[in-house]
Amino acid sequence: MPKFMDYHEKMPQMPPQAMQQMAGDIKAGKADQFGTKPINVFVGKGGQGYCLCEAPNADAVMKSHQSKGFTMSHKDVIEVQTLV
């Protein structure tokens, strides 16, 4: 399954419950209705966000994020390869 890294210039303030849900989704390793499986989320000190996931394609990544209230464009989603 292809892996994607996406970028959010500024992560929105999220309630603790939403952050716990995201962490639970990552730990569970289950794909959502778009076939997107979160692997990890990284937050920069300046509030930027980087999400690593497995998905069938970039459109699935965008749909998954949009269903959770995160807007993004195709330029924010990059297919990546891991070394291990």
PDB file of N, CA and C in Angstrom:
ATOM      1  N   MET A   1       0.865  -1.177   0.000  1.00  0.00           N
ATOM      2  CA  MET A   1       0.000   0.000   0.000  1.00  0.00           C
ATOM      3  C   MET A   1       0.907   1.234   0.000  1.00  0.00           C
ATOM      4  N   PRO A   2       0.614   2.212  -0.853  1.00  0.00           N
ATOM      5  CA  PRO A   2       1.416   3.440  -0.889  1.00  0.00           C
ATOM      6  C   PRO A   2       1.323   4.217   0.426  1.00  0.00           C
ATOM      7  N   LYS A   3       2.390   4.935   0.742  1.00  0.00           N
ATOM      8  CA  LYS A   3       2.434   5.791   1.939  1.00  0.00           C
ATOM      9  C   LYS A   3       2.440   7.246   1.491  1.00  0.00           C
ATOM     10  N   PHE A   4       1.809   8.090   2.303  1.00  0.00           N
ATOM     11  CA  PHE A   4       1.711   9.518   1.997  1.00  0.00           C
ATOM     12  C   PHE A   4       2.042  10.337   3.229  1.00  0.00           C
ATOM     13  N   MET A   5       2.698  11.460   2.999  1.00  0.00           N
ATOM     14  CA  MET A   5       2.941  12.453   4.048  1.00  0.00           C
ATOM     15  C   MET A   5       2.155  13.688   3.611  1.00  0.00           C
ATOM     16  N   ASP A   6       1.390  14.228   4.522  1.00  0.00           N
ATOM     17  CA  ASP A   6       0.685  15.458   4.186  1.00  0.00           C
ATOM     18  C   ASP A   6       1.030  16.538   5.193  1.00  0.00           C
ATOM     19  N   TYR A   7       0.813  17.773   4.777  1.00  0.00           N
ATOM     20  CA  TYR A   7       1.263  18.942   5.533  1.00  0.00           C
ATOM     21  C   TYR A   7       0.095  19.861   5.825  1.00  0.00           C
ATOM     22  N   HIS A   8       0.078  20.358   7.054  1.00  0.00           N
ATOM     23  CA  HIS A   8      -0.909  21.358   7.475  1.00  0.00           C
ATOM     24  C   HIS A   8      -0.126  22.547   8.030  1.00  0.00           C
ATOM     25  N   GLU A   9      -0.277  23.684   7.404  1.00  0.00           N
ATOM     26  CA  GLU A   9       0.489  24.864   7.819  1.00  0.00           C
ATOM     27  C   GLU A   9       0.232  25.214   9.280  1.00  0.00           C
ATOM     28  N   LYS A  10      -1.000  25.081   9.707  1.00  0.00           N
ATOM     29  CA  LYS A  10      -1.347  25.374  11.100  1.00  0.00           C
ATOM     30  C   LYS A  10      -2.402  24.366  11.538  1.00  0.00           C
ATOM     31  N   MET A  11      -2.051  23.554  12.515  1.00  0.00           N
ATOM     32  CA  MET A  11      -3.012  22.591  13.043  1.00  0.00           C
ATOM     33  C   MET A  11      -4.064  23.350  13.860  1.00  0.00           C
ATOM     34  N   PRO A  12      -5.335  23.008  13.668  1.00  0.00           N
ATOM     35  CA  PRO A  12      -6.373  23.676  14.455  1.00  0.00           C
ATOM     36  C   PRO A  12      -6.312  23.220  15.911  1.00  0.00           C
ATOM     37  N   GLN A  13      -6.802  24.062  16.797  1.00  0.00           N
ATOM     38  CA  GLN A  13      -6.935  23.663  18.195  1.00  0.00           C
ATOM     39  C   GLN A  13      -7.950  22.539  18.245  1.00  0.00           C
ATOM     40  N   MET A  14      -7.569  21.459  18.888  1.00  0.00           N
ATOM     41  CA  MET A  14      -8.455  20.305  18.964  1.00  0.00           C
ATOM     42  C   MET A  14      -8.722  19.964  20.413  1.00  0.00           C
ATOM     43  N   PRO A  15      -9.972  19.590  20.721  1.00  0.00           N
ATOM     44  CA  PRO A  15     -10.273  19.179  22.089  1.00  0.00           C
ATOM     45  C   PRO A  15      -9.507  17.906  22.436  1.00  0.00           C
ATOM     46  N   PRO A  16      -9.206  17.704  23.713  1.00  0.00           N
ATOM     47  CA  PRO A  16      -8.460  16.500  24.128  1.00  0.00           C
ATOM     48  C   PRO A  16      -9.089  15.204  23.643  1.00  0.00           C
ATOM     49  N   GLN A  17     -10.426  15.153  23.606  1.00  0.00           N
ATOM     50  CA  GLN A  17     -11.090  13.931  23.153  1.00  0.00           C
ATOM     51  C   GLN A  17     -10.751  13.627  21.692  1.00  0.00           C
ATOM     52  N   ALA A  18     -10.675  14.653  20.860  1.00  0.00           N
ATOM     53  CA  ALA A  18     -10.354  14.461  19.445  1.00  0.00           C
ATOM     54  C   ALA A  18      -8.918  13.970  19.294  1.00  0.00           C
ATOM     55  N   MET A  19      -8.020  14.501  20.109  1.00  0.00           N
ATOM     56  CA  MET A  19      -6.629  14.063  20.047  1.00  0.00           C
ATOM     57  C   MET A  19      -6.503  12.618  20.526  1.00  0.00           C
ATOM     58  N   GLN A  20      -7.264  12.255  21.559  1.00  0.00           N
ATOM     59  CA  GLN A  20      -7.256  10.871  22.040  1.00  0.00           C
ATOM     60  C   GLN A  20      -7.812   9.929  20.974  1.00  0.00           C
ATOM     61  N   GLN A  21      -8.840  10.384  20.254  1.00  0.00           N
ATOM     62  CA  GLN A  21      -9.418   9.570  19.183  1.00  0.00           C
ATOM     63  C   GLN A  21      -8.384   9.353  18.075  1.00  0.00           C
ATOM     64  N   MET A  22      -7.642  10.410  17.710  1.00  0.00           N
ATOM     65  CA  MET A  22      -6.605  10.279  16.690  1.00  0.00           C
ATOM     66  C   MET A  22      -5.528   9.292  17.139  1.00  0.00           C
ATOM     67  N   ALA A  23      -5.103   9.407  18.385  1.00  0.00           N
ATOM     68  CA  ALA A  23      -4.084   8.492  18.912  1.00  0.00           C
ATOM     69  C   ALA A  23      -4.609   7.054  18.912  1.00  0.00           C
ATOM     70  N   GLY A  24      -5.859   6.871  19.268  1.00  0.00           N
ATOM     71  CA  GLY A  24      -6.461   5.540  19.259  1.00  0.00           C
ATOM     72  C   GLY A  24      -6.530   4.960  17.854  1.00  0.00           C
ATOM     73  N   ASP A  25      -6.860   5.806  16.874  1.00  0.00           N
ATOM     74  CA  ASP A  25      -6.921   5.350  15.487  1.00  0.00           C
ATOM     75  C   ASP A  25      -5.539   4.908  15.002  1.00  0.00           C
ATOM     76  N   ILE A  26      -4.508   5.655  15.386  1.00  0.00           N
ATOM     77  CA  ILE A  26      -3.141   5.306  14.989  1.00  0.00           C
ATOM     78  C   ILE A  26      -2.747   3.974  15.616  1.00  0.00           C
ATOM     79  N   LYS A  27      -3.004   3.826  16.908  1.00  0.00           N
ATOM     80  CA  LYS A  27      -2.631   2.586  17.604  1.00  0.00           C
ATOM     81  C   LYS A  27      -3.402   1.386  17.080  1.00  0.00           C
ATOM     82  N   ALA A  28      -4.661   1.589  16.714  1.00  0.00           N
ATOM     83  CA  ALA A  28      -5.493   0.482  16.221  1.00  0.00           C
ATOM     84  C   ALA A  28      -5.041   0.007  14.841  1.00  0.00           C
ATOM     85  N   GLY A  29      -4.455   0.921  14.055  1.00  0.00           N
ATOM     86  CA  GLY A  29      -3.964   0.545  12.737  1.00  0.00           C
ATOM     87  C   GLY A  29      -5.053   0.140  11.764  1.00  0.00           C
ATOM     88  N   LYS A  30      -6.257   0.667  11.969  1.00  0.00           N
ATOM     89  CA  LYS A  30      -7.366   0.322  11.093  1.00  0.00           C
ATOM     90  C   LYS A  30      -7.596   1.432  10.074  1.00  0.00           C
ATOM     91  N   ALA A  31      -7.911   1.020   8.857  1.00  0.00           N
ATOM     92  CA  ALA A  31      -8.208   1.980   7.799  1.00  0.00           C
ATOM     93  C   ALA A  31      -9.630   2.517   7.954  1.00  0.00           C
ATOM     94  N   ASP A  32      -9.827   3.760   7.519  1.00  0.00           N
ATOM     95  CA  ASP A  32     -11.165   4.357   7.561  1.00  0.00           C
ATOM     96  C   ASP A  32     -11.946   3.986   6.299  1.00  0.00           C
ATOM     97  N   GLN A  33     -13.108   4.597   6.116  1.00  0.00           N
ATOM     98  CA  GLN A  33     -13.975   4.259   4.983  1.00  0.00           C
ATOM     99  C   GLN A  33     -13.360   4.620   3.637  1.00  0.00           C
ATOM    100  N   PHE A  34     -12.277   5.414   3.630  1.00  0.00           N
ATOM    101  CA  PHE A  34     -11.607   5.788   2.392  1.00  0.00           C
ATOM    102  C   PHE A  34     -10.380   4.913   2.121  1.00  0.00           C
ATOM    103  N   GLY A  35     -10.129   3.964   3.018  1.00  0.00           N
ATOM    104  CA  GLY A  35      -8.975   3.087   2.877  1.00  0.00           C
ATOM    105  C   GLY A  35      -7.693   3.699   3.397  1.00  0.00           C
ATOM    106  N   THR A  36      -7.813   4.794   4.143  1.00  0.00           N
ATOM    107  CA  THR A  36      -6.644   5.489   4.688  1.00  0.00           C
ATOM    108  C   THR A  36      -6.362   5.002   6.101  1.00  0.00           C
ATOM    109  N   LYS A  37      -5.126   4.546   6.330  1.00  0.00           N
ATOM    110  CA  LYS A  37      -4.715   4.054   7.645  1.00  0.00           C
ATOM    111  C   LYS A  37      -3.642   4.985   8.196  1.00  0.00           C
ATOM    112  N   PRO A  38      -3.944   5.689   9.293  1.00  0.00           N
ATOM    113  CA  PRO A  38      -2.933   6.588   9.872  1.00  0.00           C
ATOM    114  C   PRO A  38      -1.785   5.790  10.483  1.00  0.00           C
ATOM    115  N   ILE A  39      -0.565   6.289  10.270  1.00  0.00           N
ATOM    116  CA  ILE A  39       0.618   5.667  10.853  1.00  0.00           C
ATOM    117  C   ILE A  39       1.155   6.517  11.992  1.00  0.00           C
ATOM    118  N   ASN A  40       1.206   7.839  11.795  1.00  0.00           N
ATOM    119  CA  ASN A  40       1.656   8.740  12.856  1.00  0.00           C
ATOM    120  C   ASN A  40       1.347  10.174  12.465  1.00  0.00           C
ATOM    121  N   VAL A  41       1.344  11.042  13.457  1.00  0.00           N
ATOM    122  CA  VAL A  41       1.147  12.482  13.265  1.00  0.00           C
ATOM    123  C   VAL A  41       2.284  13.190  13.985  1.00  0.00           C
ATOM    124  N   PHE A  42       2.867  14.167  13.326  1.00  0.00           N
ATOM    125  CA  PHE A  42       3.959  14.946  13.901  1.00  0.00           C
ATOM    126  C   PHE A  42       3.519  16.401  13.941  1.00  0.00           C
ATOM    127  N   VAL A  43       3.766  17.079  15.062  1.00  0.00           N
ATOM    128  CA  VAL A  43       3.392  18.480  15.215  1.00  0.00           C
ATOM    129  C   VAL A  43       4.651  19.287  15.454  1.00  0.00           C
ATOM    130  N   GLY A  44       4.883  20.293  14.596  1.00  0.00           N
ATOM    131  CA  GLY A  44       6.041  21.162  14.735  1.00  0.00           C
ATOM    132  C   GLY A  44       5.845  22.168  15.854  1.00  0.00           C
ATOM    133  N   LYS A  45       6.942  22.710  16.345  1.00  0.00           N
ATOM    134  CA  LYS A  45       6.864  23.690  17.432  1.00  0.00           C
ATOM    135  C   LYS A  45       6.100  24.933  17.017  1.00  0.00           C
ATOM    136  N   GLY A  46       6.053  25.218  15.721  1.00  0.00           N
ATOM    137  CA  GLY A  46       5.306  26.367  15.216  1.00  0.00           C
ATOM    138  C   GLY A  46       3.848  26.067  14.934  1.00  0.00           C
ATOM    139  N   GLY A  47       3.381  24.857  15.275  1.00  0.00           N
ATOM    140  CA  GLY A  47       1.986  24.491  15.086  1.00  0.00           C
ATOM    141  C   GLY A  47       1.686  23.790  13.766  1.00  0.00           C
ATOM    142  N   GLN A  48       2.725  23.520  12.970  1.00  0.00           N
ATOM    143  CA  GLN A  48       2.512  22.796  11.722  1.00  0.00           C
ATOM    144  C   GLN A  48       2.182  21.334  12.027  1.00  0.00           C
ATOM    145  N   GLY A  49       1.507  20.700  11.089  1.00  0.00           N
ATOM    146  CA  GLY A  49       1.193  19.294  11.254  1.00  0.00           C
ATOM    147  C   GLY A  49       1.650  18.486  10.061  1.00  0.00           C
ATOM    148  N   TYR A  50       2.155  17.283  10.327  1.00  0.00           N
ATOM    149  CA  TYR A  50       2.584  16.350   9.294  1.00  0.00           C
ATOM    150  C   TYR A  50       1.971  15.005   9.627  1.00  0.00           C
ATOM    151  N   CYS A  51       1.220  14.448   8.696  1.00  0.00           N
ATOM    152  CA  CYS A  51       0.574  13.159   8.917  1.00  0.00           C
ATOM    153  C   CYS A  51       1.174  12.135   7.966  1.00  0.00           C
ATOM    154  N   LEU A  52       1.504  10.977   8.505  1.00  0.00           N
ATOM    155  CA  LEU A  52       1.991   9.866   7.698  1.00  0.00           C
ATOM    156  C   LEU A  52       0.917   8.795   7.704  1.00  0.00           C
ATOM    157  N   CYS A  53       0.542   8.332   6.513  1.00  0.00           N
ATOM    158  CA  CYS A  53      -0.508   7.319   6.430  1.00  0.00           C
ATOM    159  C   CYS A  53      -0.279   6.411   5.230  1.00  0.00           C
ATOM    160  N   GLU A  54      -1.003   5.316   5.222  1.00  0.00           N
ATOM    161  CA  GLU A  54      -1.086   4.441   4.065  1.00  0.00           C
ATOM    162  C   GLU A  54      -2.457   4.671   3.454  1.00  0.00           C
ATOM    163  N   ALA A  55      -2.497   4.730   2.129  1.00  0.00           N
ATOM    164  CA  ALA A  55      -3.773   4.966   1.452  1.00  0.00           C
ATOM    165  C   ALA A  55      -3.670   4.477   0.013  1.00  0.00           C
ATOM    166  N   PRO A  56      -4.817   4.203  -0.594  1.00  0.00           N
ATOM    167  CA  PRO A  56      -4.785   3.763  -1.991  1.00  0.00           C
ATOM    168  C   PRO A  56      -4.234   4.838  -2.936  1.00  0.00           C
ATOM    169  N   ASN A  57      -4.505   6.123  -2.607  1.00  0.00           N
ATOM    170  CA  ASN A  57      -4.055   7.226  -3.452  1.00  0.00           C
ATOM    171  C   ASN A  57      -4.212   8.546  -2.694  1.00  0.00           C
ATOM    172  N   ALA A  58      -3.727   9.629  -3.296  1.00  0.00           N
ATOM    173  CA  ALA A  58      -3.770  10.941  -2.646  1.00  0.00           C
ATOM    174  C   ALA A  58      -5.207  11.420  -2.438  1.00  0.00           C
ATOM    175  N   ASP A  59      -6.103  11.080  -3.350  1.00  0.00           N
ATOM    176  CA  ASP A  59      -7.505  11.486  -3.185  1.00  0.00           C
ATOM    177  C   ASP A  59      -8.108  10.891  -1.917  1.00  0.00           C
ATOM    178  N   ALA A  60      -7.760   9.647  -1.611  1.00  0.00           N
ATOM    179  CA  ALA A  60      -8.264   9.010  -0.389  1.00  0.00           C
ATOM    180  C   ALA A  60      -7.755   9.745   0.844  1.00  0.00           C
ATOM    181  N   VAL A  61      -6.499  10.185   0.808  1.00  0.00           N
ATOM    182  CA  VAL A  61      -5.933  10.950   1.926  1.00  0.00           C
ATOM    183  C   VAL A  61      -6.722  12.245   2.114  1.00  0.00           C
ATOM    184  N   MET A  62      -6.985  12.938   1.014  1.00  0.00           N
ATOM    185  CA  MET A  62      -7.726  14.203   1.103  1.00  0.00           C
ATOM    186  C   MET A  62      -9.142  13.982   1.625  1.00  0.00           C
ATOM    187  N   LYS A  63      -9.825  12.978   1.117  1.00  0.00           N
ATOM    188  CA  LYS A  63     -11.195  12.699   1.575  1.00  0.00           C
ATOM    189  C   LYS A  63     -11.217  12.341   3.056  1.00  0.00           C
ATOM    190  N   SER A  64     -10.237  11.563   3.492  1.00  0.00           N
ATOM    191  CA  SER A  64     -10.157  11.178   4.897  1.00  0.00           C
ATOM    192  C   SER A  64      -9.992  12.415   5.777  1.00  0.00           C
ATOM    193  N   HIS A  65      -9.080  13.295   5.395  1.00  0.00           N
ATOM    194  CA  HIS A  65      -8.856  14.513   6.168  1.00  0.00           C
ATOM    195  C   HIS A  65     -10.082  15.423   6.150  1.00  0.00           C
ATOM    196  N   GLN A  66     -10.683  15.583   4.975  1.00  0.00           N
ATOM    197  CA  GLN A  66     -11.851  16.457   4.868  1.00  0.00           C
ATOM    198  C   GLN A  66     -13.004  15.946   5.723  1.00  0.00           C
ATOM    199  N   SER A  67     -13.132  14.626   5.860  1.00  0.00           N
ATOM    200  CA  SER A  67     -14.206  14.069   6.697  1.00  0.00           C
ATOM    201  C   SER A  67     -14.007  14.396   8.171  1.00  0.00           C
ATOM    202  N   LYS A  68     -12.765  14.742   8.531  1.00  0.00           N
ATOM    203  CA  LYS A  68     -12.454  15.100   9.920  1.00  0.00           C
ATOM    204  C   LYS A  68     -12.338  16.614  10.110  1.00  0.00           C
ATOM    205  N   GLY A  69     -12.665  17.388   9.066  1.00  0.00           N
ATOM    206  CA  GLY A  69     -12.654  18.845   9.175  1.00  0.00           C
ATOM    207  C   GLY A  69     -11.345  19.507   8.808  1.00  0.00           C
ATOM    208  N   PHE A  70     -10.411  18.764   8.226  1.00  0.00           N
ATOM    209  CA  PHE A  70      -9.126  19.331   7.807  1.00  0.00           C
ATOM    210  C   PHE A  70      -9.184  19.606   6.308  1.00  0.00           C
ATOM    211  N   THR A  71      -9.041  20.862   5.924  1.00  0.00           N
ATOM    212  CA  THR A  71      -9.011  21.189   4.509  1.00  0.00           C
ATOM    213  C   THR A  71      -7.572  21.174   4.020  1.00  0.00           C
ATOM    214  N   MET A  72      -7.397  20.771   2.786  1.00  0.00           N
ATOM    215  CA  MET A  72      -6.062  20.705   2.210  1.00  0.00           C
ATOM    216  C   MET A  72      -6.181  20.660   0.699  1.00  0.00           C
ATOM    217  N   SER A  73      -5.064  20.853   0.023  1.00  0.00           N
ATOM    218  CA  SER A  73      -5.050  20.750  -1.433  1.00  0.00           C
ATOM    219  C   SER A  73      -4.118  19.617  -1.847  1.00  0.00           C
ATOM    220  N   HIS A  74      -4.162  19.277  -3.115  1.00  0.00           N
ATOM    221  CA  HIS A  74      -3.312  18.187  -3.615  1.00  0.00           C
ATOM    222  C   HIS A  74      -1.834  18.470  -3.411  1.00  0.00           C
ATOM    223  N   LYS A  75      -1.435  19.742  -3.421  1.00  0.00           N
ATOM    224  CA  LYS A  75      -0.011  20.061  -3.251  1.00  0.00           C
ATOM    225  C   LYS A  75       0.478  19.745  -1.836  1.00  0.00           C
ATOM    226  N   ASP A  76      -0.445  19.543  -0.893  1.00  0.00           N
ATOM    227  CA  ASP A  76      -0.081  19.238   0.493  1.00  0.00           C
ATOM    228  C   ASP A  76       0.086  17.749   0.756  1.00  0.00           C
ATOM    229  N   VAL A  77      -0.174  16.910  -0.254  1.00  0.00           N
ATOM    230  CA  VAL A  77      -0.090  15.450  -0.086  1.00  0.00           C
ATOM    231  C   VAL A  77       1.001  14.916  -1.009  1.00  0.00           C
ATOM    232  N   ILE A  78       1.972  14.223  -0.418  1.00  0.00           N
ATOM    233  CA  ILE A  78       3.110  13.717  -1.179  1.00  0.00           C
ATOM    234  C   ILE A  78       3.263  12.226  -0.915  1.00  0.00           C
ATOM    235  N   GLU A  79       3.385  11.458  -1.986  1.00  0.00           N
ATOM    236  CA  GLU A  79       3.651  10.025  -1.819  1.00  0.00           C
ATOM    237  C   GLU A  79       5.111   9.862  -1.415  1.00  0.00           C
ATOM    238  N   VAL A  80       5.367   9.046  -0.397  1.00  0.00           N
ATOM    239  CA  VAL A  80       6.719   8.847   0.122  1.00  0.00           C
ATOM    240  C   VAL A  80       7.040   7.366   0.206  1.00  0.00           C
ATOM    241  N   GLN A  81       8.331   7.080   0.335  1.00  0.00           N
ATOM    242  CA  GLN A  81       8.798   5.720   0.563  1.00  0.00           C
ATOM    243  C   GLN A  81       9.605   5.735   1.841  1.00  0.00           C
ATOM    244  N   THR A  82       9.503   4.678   2.618  1.00  0.00           N
ATOM    245  CA  THR A  82      10.299   4.566   3.824  1.00  0.00           C
ATOM    246  C   THR A  82      11.525   3.716   3.518  1.00  0.00           C
ATOM    247  N   LEU A  83      12.587   3.920   4.281  1.00  0.00           N
ATOM    248  CA  LEU A  83      13.809   3.152   4.074  1.00  0.00           C
ATOM    249  C   LEU A  83      13.736   1.768   4.685  1.00  0.00           C
ATOM    250  N   VAL A  84      12.929   1.608   5.736  1.00  0.00           N
ATOM    251  CA  VAL A  84      12.776   0.300   6.385  1.00  0.00           C
ATOM    252  C   VAL A  84      11.316  -0.075   6.459  1.00  0.00           C
TER     253      VAL A  84
END
